[in-house]
Each structure stands twice: as structure tokens, then as C-alpha cells.
């Protein structure tokens, strides 16, 4: 199981929006839950996700960006 950490970045290739990026801005429960701001490749905010790391990954086949 993955956990969130502040500043963590995720990527998803969405059919409607193209490349979509997510950045964790807040964590709770020792990283098991968090808030992710979701943007397009131009930095426009599309959505915000709040919930568990497991649910986030499963929600759109998000991939963690290795830094």
C-alpha cells in the first residue's frame, strides 16, 4: 500500500484531458489519506481529490512520478 507525502507528484493519461497531474498538498492519518490538487499540463486546476492513497491510485490508474 502506498502512502501520500506532501509534494508527491502523480500522473495520469486521461482520454478527455490528455496528461493530468496530481500533487499532494496535505496528508492525514500518517499519509494514508490526503488531499491532491489535479491539474492539466498547463497548470489549470481541474479537480481536487480528498481520500485514501489506495482509492486515489485506483480511481484513474495514477502513476507515481519518480523524483
PDB file of N, CA and C in Angstrom:
ATOM      1  N   UNK A   1       0.839  -1.176   0.000  1.00  0.00           N
ATOM      2  CA  UNK A   1       0.000   0.000   0.000  1.00  0.00           C
ATOM      3  C   UNK A   1       0.889   1.245   0.000  1.00  0.00           C
ATOM      4  N   UNK A   2       0.604   2.148  -0.890  1.00  0.00           N
ATOM      5  CA  UNK A   2       1.336   3.401  -0.941  1.00  0.00           C
ATOM      6  C   UNK A   2       0.724   4.408   0.019  1.00  0.00           C
ATOM      7  N   UNK A   3       1.544   5.319   0.442  1.00  0.00           N
ATOM      8  CA  UNK A   3       1.089   6.407   1.306  1.00  0.00           C
ATOM      9  C   UNK A   3       1.403   7.719   0.616  1.00  0.00           C
ATOM     10  N   UNK A   4       0.628   8.719   0.961  1.00  0.00           N
ATOM     11  CA  UNK A   4       0.866  10.055   0.451  1.00  0.00           C
ATOM     12  C   UNK A   4       1.955  10.739   1.263  1.00  0.00           C
ATOM     13  N   UNK A   5       2.656  11.652   0.626  1.00  0.00           N
ATOM     14  CA  UNK A   5       3.536  12.584   1.323  1.00  0.00           C
ATOM     15  C   UNK A   5       3.377  13.942   0.632  1.00  0.00           C
ATOM     16  N   UNK A   6       3.480  15.000   1.404  1.00  0.00           N
ATOM     17  CA  UNK A   6       3.297  16.340   0.858  1.00  0.00           C
ATOM     18  C   UNK A   6       4.333  16.581  -0.238  1.00  0.00           C
ATOM     19  N   UNK A   7       3.870  17.093  -1.381  1.00  0.00           N
ATOM     20  CA  UNK A   7       4.739  17.365  -2.520  1.00  0.00           C
ATOM     21  C   UNK A   7       4.848  16.215  -3.505  1.00  0.00           C
ATOM     22  N   UNK A   8       4.323  15.057  -3.127  1.00  0.00           N
ATOM     23  CA  UNK A   8       4.356  13.891  -4.000  1.00  0.00           C
ATOM     24  C   UNK A   8       3.596  14.208  -5.292  1.00  0.00           C
ATOM     25  N   UNK A   9       4.134  13.758  -6.436  1.00  0.00           N
ATOM     26  CA  UNK A   9       3.515  14.062  -7.723  1.00  0.00           C
ATOM     27  C   UNK A   9       3.093  12.774  -8.435  1.00  0.00           C
ATOM     28  N   UNK A  10       1.923  12.877  -9.083  1.00  0.00           N
ATOM     29  CA  UNK A  10       1.322  11.751  -9.786  1.00  0.00           C
ATOM     30  C   UNK A  10       0.973  12.170 -11.201  1.00  0.00           C
ATOM     31  N   UNK A  11       0.874  11.194 -12.110  1.00  0.00           N
ATOM     32  CA  UNK A  11       0.493  11.482 -13.494  1.00  0.00           C
ATOM     33  C   UNK A  11      -0.530  10.450 -13.960  1.00  0.00           C
ATOM     34  N   UNK A  12      -1.405  10.894 -14.853  1.00  0.00           N
ATOM     35  CA  UNK A  12      -2.431  10.032 -15.429  1.00  0.00           C
ATOM     36  C   UNK A  12      -2.672  10.519 -16.849  1.00  0.00           C
ATOM     37  N   UNK A  13      -2.811   9.593 -17.773  1.00  0.00           N
ATOM     38  CA  UNK A  13      -3.153   9.935 -19.153  1.00  0.00           C
ATOM     39  C   UNK A  13      -4.657   9.794 -19.289  1.00  0.00           C
ATOM     40  N   UNK A  14      -5.375  10.918 -19.282  1.00  0.00           N
ATOM     41  CA  UNK A  14      -6.834  10.927 -19.344  1.00  0.00           C
ATOM     42  C   UNK A  14      -7.287  11.143 -20.791  1.00  0.00           C
ATOM     43  N   UNK A  15      -8.266  10.374 -21.235  1.00  0.00           N
ATOM     44  CA  UNK A  15      -8.757  10.476 -22.603  1.00  0.00           C
ATOM     45  C   UNK A  15      -9.283  11.874 -22.916  1.00  0.00           C
ATOM     46  N   UNK A  16     -10.006  12.469 -21.992  1.00  0.00           N
ATOM     47  CA  UNK A  16     -10.622  13.774 -22.225  1.00  0.00           C
ATOM     48  C   UNK A  16      -9.636  14.931 -22.099  1.00  0.00           C
ATOM     49  N   UNK A  17      -8.727  14.858 -21.123  1.00  0.00           N
ATOM     50  CA  UNK A  17      -7.846  15.988 -20.821  1.00  0.00           C
ATOM     51  C   UNK A  17      -6.398  15.801 -21.257  1.00  0.00           C
ATOM     52  N   UNK A  18      -6.017  14.629 -21.706  1.00  0.00           N
ATOM     53  CA  UNK A  18      -4.615  14.364 -22.019  1.00  0.00           C
ATOM     54  C   UNK A  18      -3.854  14.050 -20.744  1.00  0.00           C
ATOM     55  N   UNK A  19      -2.659  14.583 -20.629  1.00  0.00           N
ATOM     56  CA  UNK A  19      -1.847  14.358 -19.438  1.00  0.00           C
ATOM     57  C   UNK A  19      -2.402  15.168 -18.276  1.00  0.00           C
ATOM     58  N   UNK A  20      -2.692  14.476 -17.183  1.00  0.00           N
ATOM     59  CA  UNK A  20      -3.234  15.098 -15.987  1.00  0.00           C
ATOM     60  C   UNK A  20      -2.251  14.851 -14.851  1.00  0.00           C
ATOM     61  N   UNK A  21      -1.981  15.896 -14.079  1.00  0.00           N
ATOM     62  CA  UNK A  21      -1.023  15.812 -12.986  1.00  0.00           C
ATOM     63  C   UNK A  21      -1.723  15.990 -11.647  1.00  0.00           C
ATOM     64  N   UNK A  22      -1.223  15.334 -10.642  1.00  0.00           N
ATOM     65  CA  UNK A  22      -1.739  15.479  -9.286  1.00  0.00           C
ATOM     66  C   UNK A  22      -0.590  15.751  -8.338  1.00  0.00           C
ATOM     67  N   UNK A  23      -0.803  16.673  -7.394  1.00  0.00           N
ATOM     68  CA  UNK A  23       0.204  16.955  -6.378  1.00  0.00           C
ATOM     69  C   UNK A  23      -0.444  16.933  -5.003  1.00  0.00           C
ATOM     70  N   UNK A  24       0.145  16.162  -4.095  1.00  0.00           N
ATOM     71  CA  UNK A  24      -0.368  16.043  -2.733  1.00  0.00           C
ATOM     72  C   UNK A  24      -0.033  17.326  -1.982  1.00  0.00           C
ATOM     73  N   UNK A  25      -1.076  17.969  -1.429  1.00  0.00           N
ATOM     74  CA  UNK A  25      -0.856  19.228  -0.709  1.00  0.00           C
ATOM     75  C   UNK A  25      -1.077  19.093   0.788  1.00  0.00           C
ATOM     76  N   UNK A  26      -1.699  17.974   1.209  1.00  0.00           N
ATOM     77  CA  UNK A  26      -1.999  17.788   2.631  1.00  0.00           C
ATOM     78  C   UNK A  26      -2.151  16.300   2.904  1.00  0.00           C
ATOM     79  N   UNK A  27      -1.670  15.846   4.071  1.00  0.00           N
ATOM     80  CA  UNK A  27      -1.844  14.443   4.442  1.00  0.00           C
ATOM     81  C   UNK A  27      -2.479  14.335   5.824  1.00  0.00           C
ATOM     82  N   UNK A  28      -3.116  13.184   6.054  1.00  0.00           N
ATOM     83  CA  UNK A  28      -3.717  12.841   7.341  1.00  0.00           C
ATOM     84  C   UNK A  28      -3.444  11.362   7.593  1.00  0.00           C
ATOM     85  N   UNK A  29      -3.667  10.934   8.824  1.00  0.00           N
ATOM     86  CA  UNK A  29      -3.558   9.505   9.148  1.00  0.00           C
ATOM     87  C   UNK A  29      -2.208   8.923   8.738  1.00  0.00           C
ATOM     88  N   UNK A  30      -1.141   9.633   9.042  1.00  0.00           N
ATOM     89  CA  UNK A  30       0.216   9.184   8.731  1.00  0.00           C
ATOM     90  C   UNK A  30       0.393   8.880   7.243  1.00  0.00           C
ATOM     91  N   UNK A  31      -0.245   9.680   6.400  1.00  0.00           N
ATOM     92  CA  UNK A  31      -0.088   9.538   4.954  1.00  0.00           C
ATOM     93  C   UNK A  31      -1.063   8.589   4.288  1.00  0.00           C
ATOM     94  N   UNK A  32      -1.896   7.932   5.077  1.00  0.00           N
ATOM     95  CA  UNK A  32      -2.861   7.005   4.470  1.00  0.00           C
ATOM     96  C   UNK A  32      -3.972   7.743   3.736  1.00  0.00           C
ATOM     97  N   UNK A  33      -4.188   9.001   4.091  1.00  0.00           N
ATOM     98  CA  UNK A  33      -5.188   9.834   3.423  1.00  0.00           C
ATOM     99  C   UNK A  33      -4.567  11.185   3.115  1.00  0.00           C
ATOM    100  N   UNK A  34      -5.143  11.868   2.147  1.00  0.00           N
ATOM    101  CA  UNK A  34      -4.606  13.174   1.804  1.00  0.00           C
ATOM    102  C   UNK A  34      -5.482  13.928   0.837  1.00  0.00           C
ATOM    103  N   UNK A  35      -4.995  15.110   0.479  1.00  0.00           N
ATOM    104  CA  UNK A  35      -5.665  15.967  -0.492  1.00  0.00           C
ATOM    105  C   UNK A  35      -4.712  16.174  -1.664  1.00  0.00           C
ATOM    106  N   UNK A  36      -5.238  15.970  -2.870  1.00  0.00           N
ATOM    107  CA  UNK A  36      -4.451  16.084  -4.091  1.00  0.00           C
ATOM    108  C   UNK A  36      -5.112  17.116  -5.000  1.00  0.00           C
ATOM    109  N   UNK A  37      -4.332  18.089  -5.472  1.00  0.00           N
ATOM    110  CA  UNK A  37      -4.816  19.039  -6.465  1.00  0.00           C
ATOM    111  C   UNK A  37      -4.489  18.456  -7.834  1.00  0.00           C
ATOM    112  N   UNK A  38      -5.498  18.377  -8.698  1.00  0.00           N
ATOM    113  CA  UNK A  38      -5.355  17.784 -10.017  1.00  0.00           C
ATOM    114  C   UNK A  38      -5.386  18.901 -11.062  1.00  0.00           C
ATOM    115  N   UNK A  39      -4.332  18.943 -11.908  1.00  0.00           N
ATOM    116  CA  UNK A  39      -4.212  19.988 -12.919  1.00  0.00           C
ATOM    117  C   UNK A  39      -3.971  19.383 -14.301  1.00  0.00           C
ATOM    118  N   UNK A  40      -4.213  20.208 -15.337  1.00  0.00           N
ATOM    119  CA  UNK A  40      -3.835  19.774 -16.682  1.00  0.00           C
ATOM    120  C   UNK A  40      -2.363  20.114 -16.885  1.00  0.00           C
ATOM    121  N   UNK A  41      -1.832  19.834 -18.075  1.00  0.00           N
ATOM    122  CA  UNK A  41      -0.406  20.060 -18.318  1.00  0.00           C
ATOM    123  C   UNK A  41      -0.034  21.536 -18.434  1.00  0.00           C
ATOM    124  N   UNK A  42      -1.022  22.419 -18.381  1.00  0.00           N
ATOM    125  CA  UNK A  42      -0.776  23.865 -18.396  1.00  0.00           C
ATOM    126  C   UNK A  42      -0.881  24.484 -16.998  1.00  0.00           C
ATOM    127  N   UNK A  43      -1.207  23.661 -16.002  1.00  0.00           N
ATOM    128  CA  UNK A  43      -1.310  24.140 -14.637  1.00  0.00           C
ATOM    129  C   UNK A  43      -2.695  24.593 -14.223  1.00  0.00           C
ATOM    130  N   UNK A  44      -3.686  24.409 -15.102  1.00  0.00           N
ATOM    131  CA  UNK A  44      -5.067  24.768 -14.765  1.00  0.00           C
ATOM    132  C   UNK A  44      -5.660  23.729 -13.827  1.00  0.00           C
ATOM    133  N   UNK A  45      -6.227  24.174 -12.711  1.00  0.00           N
ATOM    134  CA  UNK A  45      -6.824  23.254 -11.749  1.00  0.00           C
ATOM    135  C   UNK A  45      -8.102  22.656 -12.340  1.00  0.00           C
ATOM    136  N   UNK A  46      -8.152  21.319 -12.368  1.00  0.00           N
ATOM    137  CA  UNK A  46      -9.316  20.604 -12.888  1.00  0.00           C
ATOM    138  C   UNK A  46     -10.200  20.066 -11.775  1.00  0.00           C
ATOM    139  N   UNK A  47      -9.571  19.652 -10.670  1.00  0.00           N
ATOM    140  CA  UNK A  47     -10.319  18.996  -9.599  1.00  0.00           C
ATOM    141  C   UNK A  47      -9.431  18.902  -8.368  1.00  0.00           C
ATOM    142  N   UNK A  48     -10.040  18.468  -7.276  1.00  0.00           N
ATOM    143  CA  UNK A  48      -9.326  18.175  -6.043  1.00  0.00           C
ATOM    144  C   UNK A  48      -9.829  16.839  -5.534  1.00  0.00           C
ATOM    145  N   UNK A  49      -8.918  15.992  -5.102  1.00  0.00           N
ATOM    146  CA  UNK A  49      -9.266  14.689  -4.531  1.00  0.00           C
ATOM    147  C   UNK A  49      -8.928  14.714  -3.058  1.00  0.00           C
ATOM    148  N   UNK A  50      -9.839  14.217  -2.221  1.00  0.00           N
ATOM    149  CA  UNK A  50      -9.579  14.019  -0.793  1.00  0.00           C
ATOM    150  C   UNK A  50      -9.987  12.599  -0.444  1.00  0.00           C
ATOM    151  N   UNK A  51      -9.047  11.824   0.088  1.00  0.00           N
ATOM    152  CA  UNK A  51      -9.342  10.447   0.442  1.00  0.00           C
ATOM    153  C   UNK A  51      -8.081   9.641   0.620  1.00  0.00           C
ATOM    154  N   UNK A  52      -8.214   8.324   0.515  1.00  0.00           N
ATOM    155  CA  UNK A  52      -7.081   7.440   0.761  1.00  0.00           C
ATOM    156  C   UNK A  52      -6.174   7.329  -0.469  1.00  0.00           C
ATOM    157  N   UNK A  53      -4.910   7.043  -0.221  1.00  0.00           N
ATOM    158  CA  UNK A  53      -3.946   6.856  -1.299  1.00  0.00           C
ATOM    159  C   UNK A  53      -4.357   5.687  -2.186  1.00  0.00           C
ATOM    160  N   UNK A  54      -4.850   4.627  -1.589  1.00  0.00           N
ATOM    161  CA  UNK A  54      -5.264   3.444  -2.346  1.00  0.00           C
ATOM    162  C   UNK A  54      -6.420   3.785  -3.282  1.00  0.00           C
ATOM    163  N   UNK A  55      -7.415   4.504  -2.786  1.00  0.00           N
ATOM    164  CA  UNK A  55      -8.557   4.901  -3.604  1.00  0.00           C
ATOM    165  C   UNK A  55      -8.109   5.836  -4.724  1.00  0.00           C
ATOM    166  N   UNK A  56      -7.216   6.754  -4.431  1.00  0.00           N
ATOM    167  CA  UNK A  56      -6.721   7.684  -5.450  1.00  0.00           C
ATOM    168  C   UNK A  56      -6.058   6.933  -6.595  1.00  0.00           C
ATOM    169  N   UNK A  57      -5.178   6.011  -6.277  1.00  0.00           N
ATOM    170  CA  UNK A  57      -4.474   5.255  -7.305  1.00  0.00           C
ATOM    171  C   UNK A  57      -5.445   4.456  -8.157  1.00  0.00           C
ATOM    172  N   UNK A  58      -6.425   3.846  -7.524  1.00  0.00           N
ATOM    173  CA  UNK A  58      -7.391   3.015  -8.238  1.00  0.00           C
ATOM    174  C   UNK A  58      -8.391   3.840  -9.041  1.00  0.00           C
ATOM    175  N   UNK A  59      -8.591   5.108  -8.663  1.00  0.00           N
ATOM    176  CA  UNK A  59      -9.617   5.933  -9.292  1.00  0.00           C
ATOM    177  C   UNK A  59      -9.318   6.278 -10.737  1.00  0.00           C
ATOM    178  N   UNK A  60      -8.093   6.254 -11.151  1.00  0.00           N
ATOM    179  CA  UNK A  60      -7.780   6.634 -12.513  1.00  0.00           C
ATOM    180  C   UNK A  60      -6.456   6.113 -12.997  1.00  0.00           C
ATOM    181  N   UNK A  61      -6.021   5.045 -12.397  1.00  0.00           N
ATOM    182  CA  UNK A  61      -4.735   4.434 -12.762  1.00  0.00           C
ATOM    183  C   UNK A  61      -3.607   5.450 -12.710  1.00  0.00           C
ATOM    184  N   UNK A  62      -3.528   6.158 -11.617  1.00  0.00           N
ATOM    185  CA  UNK A  62      -2.482   7.134 -11.397  1.00  0.00           C
ATOM    186  C   UNK A  62      -1.138   6.435 -11.202  1.00  0.00           C
ATOM    187  N   UNK A  63      -0.086   7.047 -11.706  1.00  0.00           N
ATOM    188  CA  UNK A  63       1.267   6.536 -11.551  1.00  0.00           C
ATOM    189  C   UNK A  63       2.096   7.568 -10.786  1.00  0.00           C
ATOM    190  N   UNK A  64       2.812   7.117  -9.788  1.00  0.00           N
ATOM    191  CA  UNK A  64       3.691   7.983  -9.012  1.00  0.00           C
ATOM    192  C   UNK A  64       4.864   8.399  -9.892  1.00  0.00           C
ATOM    193  N   UNK A  65       5.169   9.691  -9.907  1.00  0.00           N
ATOM    194  CA  UNK A  65       6.313  10.190 -10.677  1.00  0.00           C
ATOM    195  C   UNK A  65       7.549  10.027  -9.803  1.00  0.00           C
ATOM    196  N   UNK A  66       8.535   9.286 -10.298  1.00  0.00           N
ATOM    197  CA  UNK A  66       9.786   9.104  -9.567  1.00  0.00           C
ATOM    198  C   UNK A  66      10.587  10.384  -9.641  1.00  0.00           C
ATOM    199  N   UNK A  67      11.041  10.817  -8.490  1.00  0.00           N
ATOM    200  CA  UNK A  67      11.852  12.041  -8.455  1.00  0.00           C
ATOM    201  C   UNK A  67      13.218  11.740  -7.947  1.00  0.00           C
TER     202      UNK A  67
END
